Amino acid sequence: MLMFTAVSCDARSSNASASMAQAASNKSIYDFTMKDIDGKMVPLSAYKGKIVVIVNTASQCGLTGQLSEIESFYKKYKDKGIVVLGFPANDFLGQEPLNDAEIKSFCSKNYGVTFPMFSKISVKGKDMHPLYQYLTEMDENGVMDAPVKWNFQKFIIGKDGKLVNSVNPRTTVNDVEFTQIIDDLLK
């Protein structure tokens, strides 16, 4: 049996990896300022100390009905230190063709949305917003790679502003997989 072992003598490569991991561990959503649905700049540090659920939304998706469940979840948990942040995106089959004013009206009239909604952004591809680069790339968040699979993917952020988990778009806020993560964070 012949065995080879490769050893790097270049300390810079391991130091660079350690530096990247350290940089990712220091990042949080609090490093971002986002434009809300009304065009006002909102520092995400305004949500310090809260559990944050970030969800990419679309008005013409088969999963759009989740807005009702998400709104009910928000109303139930907002006094317990949880906030939902909605980010409309048109990255999947053009399912969010509306502008910000139309999105706000649609969400309010059809689903009674009161949780904070933000200006339409891109959640994947070469024009992906830096917030979503943080949420989806382990090199950025230090936790996991979690590419956005479809509209209504949920990212759960701990009270420290760091990514805790990502939840599949088809998993609703009422599913045990989601509620268990939230319940554990509330303990």
Protein backbone atom coordinates (compact mmCIF):
# COMPACT_ATOMS: atom_id res chain seq x y z
CA MET A 1 0.00 0.00 0.00
CA LEU A 2 1.36 3.35 -1.02
CA MET A 3 0.16 6.45 0.83
CA PHE A 4 0.92 10.10 0.20
CA THR A 5 0.39 12.95 2.59
CA ALA A 6 0.51 16.53 1.42
CA VAL A 7 1.51 19.20 3.88
CA SER A 8 1.47 22.90 3.14
CA CYS A 9 4.45 24.84 4.31
CA ASP A 10 2.83 28.12 3.40
CA ALA A 11 1.56 29.64 6.66
CA ARG A 12 -0.15 32.39 4.68
CA SER A 13 -2.80 29.99 3.29
CA SER A 14 -3.87 28.75 6.74
CA ASN A 15 -3.70 32.29 8.12
CA ALA A 16 -5.84 33.53 5.24
CA SER A 17 -8.45 30.83 5.94
CA ALA A 18 -8.44 31.69 9.64
CA SER A 19 -8.78 35.39 8.79
CA MET A 20 -11.75 34.70 6.50
CA ALA A 21 -13.45 32.60 9.17
CA GLN A 22 -12.82 35.32 11.75
CA ALA A 23 -14.18 38.01 9.42
CA ALA A 24 -17.30 35.94 8.73
CA SER A 25 -17.84 35.33 12.45
CA ASN A 26 -17.72 39.08 13.10
CA LYS A 27 -20.32 39.91 10.43
CA SER A 28 -24.02 40.14 11.13
CA ILE A 29 -27.16 41.56 9.57
CA TYR A 30 -26.48 44.65 11.68
CA ASP A 31 -23.79 45.58 9.15
CA PHE A 32 -26.48 46.30 6.53
CA THR A 33 -28.77 49.26 5.89
CA MET A 34 -31.72 48.53 3.63
CA LYS A 35 -34.30 50.63 1.82
CA ASP A 36 -37.80 49.91 3.11
CA ILE A 37 -40.88 49.64 0.88
CA ASP A 38 -41.47 53.40 1.28
CA GLY A 39 -37.91 54.32 0.27
CA LYS A 40 -36.60 55.09 3.78
CA MET A 41 -33.15 53.77 4.69
CA VAL A 42 -33.35 51.41 7.68
CA PRO A 43 -30.25 50.15 9.47
CA LEU A 44 -30.85 46.49 10.35
CA SER A 45 -29.11 47.28 13.63
CA ALA A 46 -32.53 48.73 14.58
CA TYR A 47 -33.51 45.10 15.22
CA LYS A 48 -30.67 44.38 17.69
CA GLY A 49 -31.69 41.97 20.41
CA LYS A 50 -34.57 40.54 18.38
CA ILE A 51 -34.95 37.23 16.60
CA VAL A 52 -35.34 38.17 12.94
CA VAL A 53 -36.99 36.11 10.21
CA ILE A 54 -36.00 37.28 6.74
CA VAL A 55 -38.12 36.05 3.85
CA ASN A 56 -37.97 36.78 0.12
CA THR A 57 -41.49 37.35 -1.18
CA ALA A 58 -43.27 37.49 -4.54
CA SER A 59 -46.85 38.47 -5.33
CA GLN A 60 -47.46 36.02 -8.19
CA CYS A 61 -46.00 32.83 -6.75
CA GLY A 62 -47.85 29.65 -5.84
CA LEU A 63 -46.50 30.15 -2.31
CA THR A 64 -47.79 33.75 -1.97
CA GLY A 65 -50.57 32.51 0.33
CA GLN A 66 -47.85 32.07 2.97
CA LEU A 67 -48.08 35.83 3.51
CA SER A 68 -51.22 35.23 5.62
CA GLU A 69 -49.43 32.67 7.80
CA ILE A 70 -46.34 34.86 8.08
CA GLU A 71 -48.49 37.83 9.14
CA SER A 72 -50.26 35.68 11.78
CA PHE A 73 -46.88 34.44 13.02
CA TYR A 74 -45.63 38.04 13.22
CA LYS A 75 -48.66 39.20 15.20
CA LYS A 76 -48.36 36.24 17.59
CA TYR A 77 -44.63 36.65 18.25
CA LYS A 78 -43.80 40.35 17.81
CA ASP A 79 -44.33 41.03 21.52
CA LYS A 80 -41.95 38.15 22.31
CA GLY A 81 -39.06 39.82 20.50
CA ILE A 82 -39.45 38.44 16.99
CA VAL A 83 -39.68 40.50 13.83
CA VAL A 84 -40.29 39.41 10.23
CA LEU A 85 -38.63 41.34 7.41
CA GLY A 86 -40.01 40.83 3.89
CA PHE A 87 -37.81 41.36 0.85
CA PRO A 88 -39.67 41.20 -2.48
CA ALA A 89 -37.60 39.69 -5.29
CA ASN A 90 -38.22 39.00 -8.96
CA ASP A 91 -35.61 36.26 -9.33
CA PHE A 92 -37.90 33.31 -10.02
CA LEU A 93 -39.87 33.24 -13.28
CA GLY A 94 -40.73 36.93 -13.04
CA GLN A 95 -43.13 36.29 -10.15
CA GLU A 96 -42.67 39.77 -8.68
CA PRO A 97 -43.29 42.19 -11.55
CA LEU A 98 -44.81 44.90 -9.31
CA ASN A 99 -43.02 48.06 -8.17
CA ASP A 100 -42.61 48.86 -4.46
CA ALA A 101 -45.84 50.88 -4.14
CA GLU A 102 -47.83 48.14 -5.88
CA ILE A 103 -46.21 45.44 -3.71
CA LYS A 104 -47.08 47.35 -0.53
CA SER A 105 -50.69 47.77 -1.67
CA PHE A 106 -50.99 44.13 -2.76
CA CYS A 107 -49.60 42.76 0.51
CA SER A 108 -51.73 45.06 2.64
CA LYS A 109 -55.04 44.64 0.77
CA ASN A 110 -54.82 40.90 0.11
CA TYR A 111 -52.97 39.62 3.17
CA GLY A 112 -53.15 42.37 5.80
CA VAL A 113 -49.35 42.51 6.00
CA THR A 114 -48.09 44.75 8.80
CA PHE A 115 -44.59 43.30 9.22
CA PRO A 116 -41.79 45.45 7.78
CA MET A 117 -41.46 45.16 4.01
CA PHE A 118 -38.45 46.38 2.09
CA SER A 119 -37.71 47.55 -1.42
CA LYS A 120 -37.45 44.89 -4.12
CA ILE A 121 -33.95 43.40 -4.36
CA SER A 122 -32.21 40.47 -6.03
CA VAL A 123 -31.66 37.40 -3.85
CA LYS A 124 -29.54 35.35 -6.28
CA GLY A 125 -27.33 35.66 -9.32
CA LYS A 126 -24.69 38.20 -10.23
CA ASP A 127 -26.80 41.13 -9.02
CA MET A 128 -27.53 39.51 -5.63
CA HIS A 129 -27.83 42.09 -2.86
CA PRO A 130 -24.94 41.98 -0.33
CA LEU A 131 -27.40 41.12 2.47
CA TYR A 132 -28.30 37.94 0.61
CA GLN A 133 -24.63 37.23 -0.07
CA TYR A 134 -24.22 37.27 3.71
CA LEU A 135 -27.28 35.06 4.26
CA THR A 136 -26.44 32.49 1.58
CA GLU A 137 -22.65 32.12 1.63
CA MET A 138 -20.74 30.40 4.44
CA ASP A 139 -17.68 32.51 3.62
CA GLU A 140 -19.81 35.52 4.57
CA ASN A 141 -21.94 34.21 7.48
CA GLY A 142 -19.60 31.61 8.99
CA VAL A 143 -22.48 29.13 9.43
CA MET A 144 -23.73 27.61 6.17
CA ASP A 145 -24.16 27.83 2.45
CA ALA A 146 -27.88 28.32 1.87
CA PRO A 147 -28.60 29.40 -1.70
CA VAL A 148 -32.13 30.71 -2.20
CA LYS A 149 -34.10 27.92 -3.83
CA TRP A 150 -37.34 29.82 -4.50
CA ASN A 151 -39.61 32.56 -3.21
CA PHE A 152 -40.44 32.39 0.50
CA GLN A 153 -37.17 30.92 1.74
CA LYS A 154 -36.81 31.88 5.38
CA PHE A 155 -33.59 32.88 7.13
CA ILE A 156 -33.66 32.83 10.91
CA ILE A 157 -31.35 35.28 12.63
CA GLY A 158 -30.46 35.11 16.33
CA LYS A 159 -30.61 37.98 18.80
CA ASP A 160 -26.93 38.66 18.04
CA GLY A 161 -27.74 39.40 14.39
CA LYS A 162 -26.08 36.23 13.10
CA LEU A 163 -27.55 33.57 10.86
CA VAL A 164 -28.94 30.58 12.76
CA ASN A 165 -30.65 28.59 10.01
CA SER A 166 -32.31 28.65 6.62
CA VAL A 167 -35.71 27.07 6.03
CA ASN A 168 -36.99 25.70 2.73
CA PRO A 169 -39.53 27.85 0.85
CA ARG A 170 -42.28 25.21 1.08
CA THR A 171 -41.85 24.93 4.85
CA THR A 172 -44.33 27.34 6.39
CA VAL A 173 -43.97 29.26 9.63
CA ASN A 174 -46.52 26.83 11.11
CA ASP A 175 -44.48 23.70 10.31
CA VAL A 176 -42.75 21.95 13.23
CA GLU A 177 -39.34 22.33 11.53
CA PHE A 178 -39.69 26.11 11.67
CA THR A 179 -41.47 26.47 15.02
CA GLN A 180 -38.92 24.24 16.78
CA ILE A 181 -36.06 26.55 15.74
CA ILE A 182 -38.02 29.60 16.94
CA ASP A 183 -39.00 27.93 20.24
CA ASP A 184 -35.36 26.96 20.89
CA LEU A 185 -34.25 30.56 20.29
CA LEU A 186 -36.91 31.90 22.67
CA LYS A 187 -35.68 29.72 25.55
